[in-house]
Amino acid sequence: MKEKDKIGTITISVFKTDNFFTSFEIKTDNENVLPVTYVIEDTLKKY
């Protein structure tokens, strides 16, 4: 099996607000993975 090359890291932080809602912060270390962060963000908005 061919070794995979890492192209970036996505970090998701989860916060609980005072009014019991949950908020998320998504950070990436490389703009090459931005399309993946958009999918994650859209999915988390439904949460």
Protein backbone atom coordinates (compact mmCIF):
# COMPACT_ATOMS: atom_id res chain seq x y z
CA MET A 1 0.00 0.00 0.00
CA LYS A 2 1.32 3.42 -0.94
CA GLU A 3 2.13 5.82 1.89
CA LYS A 4 -0.20 8.84 2.03
CA ASP A 5 1.10 12.40 2.01
CA LYS A 6 -0.46 14.66 4.62
CA ILE A 7 -1.72 17.91 3.09
CA GLY A 8 -3.10 19.64 6.17
CA THR A 9 -4.68 19.51 9.60
CA ILE A 10 -8.16 20.61 10.63
CA THR A 11 -8.86 21.48 14.26
CA ILE A 12 -12.41 21.78 15.58
CA SER A 13 -13.07 23.44 18.93
CA VAL A 14 -16.50 23.10 20.55
CA PHE A 15 -17.93 25.69 22.94
CA LYS A 16 -21.10 25.83 25.01
CA THR A 17 -22.54 29.33 25.25
CA ASP A 18 -24.39 30.84 28.22
CA ASN A 19 -27.74 30.25 26.54
CA PHE A 20 -27.02 26.50 26.18
CA PHE A 21 -26.22 26.61 22.48
CA THR A 22 -23.12 25.02 21.05
CA SER A 23 -20.70 26.91 18.86
CA PHE A 24 -17.79 25.61 16.83
CA GLU A 25 -14.49 27.05 15.67
CA ILE A 26 -12.74 25.40 12.74
CA LYS A 27 -9.08 26.12 12.00
CA THR A 28 -6.80 24.77 9.33
CA ASP A 29 -3.08 25.00 8.83
CA ASN A 30 -3.26 24.87 5.06
CA GLU A 31 -5.65 26.36 2.53
CA ASN A 32 -5.55 23.14 0.50
CA VAL A 33 -7.98 21.57 2.99
CA LEU A 34 -10.45 24.48 3.00
CA PRO A 35 -13.05 22.60 0.91
CA VAL A 36 -13.18 19.94 3.63
CA THR A 37 -13.70 22.60 6.32
CA TYR A 38 -16.68 23.94 4.38
CA VAL A 39 -18.33 20.51 4.43
CA ILE A 40 -17.63 20.16 8.16
CA GLU A 41 -18.98 23.65 8.86
CA ASP A 42 -22.19 23.02 6.92
CA THR A 43 -22.69 19.73 8.74
CA LEU A 44 -22.09 21.27 12.17
CA LYS A 45 -24.60 24.05 11.48
CA LYS A 46 -27.27 21.35 11.35
CA TYR A 47 -26.21 20.03 14.76
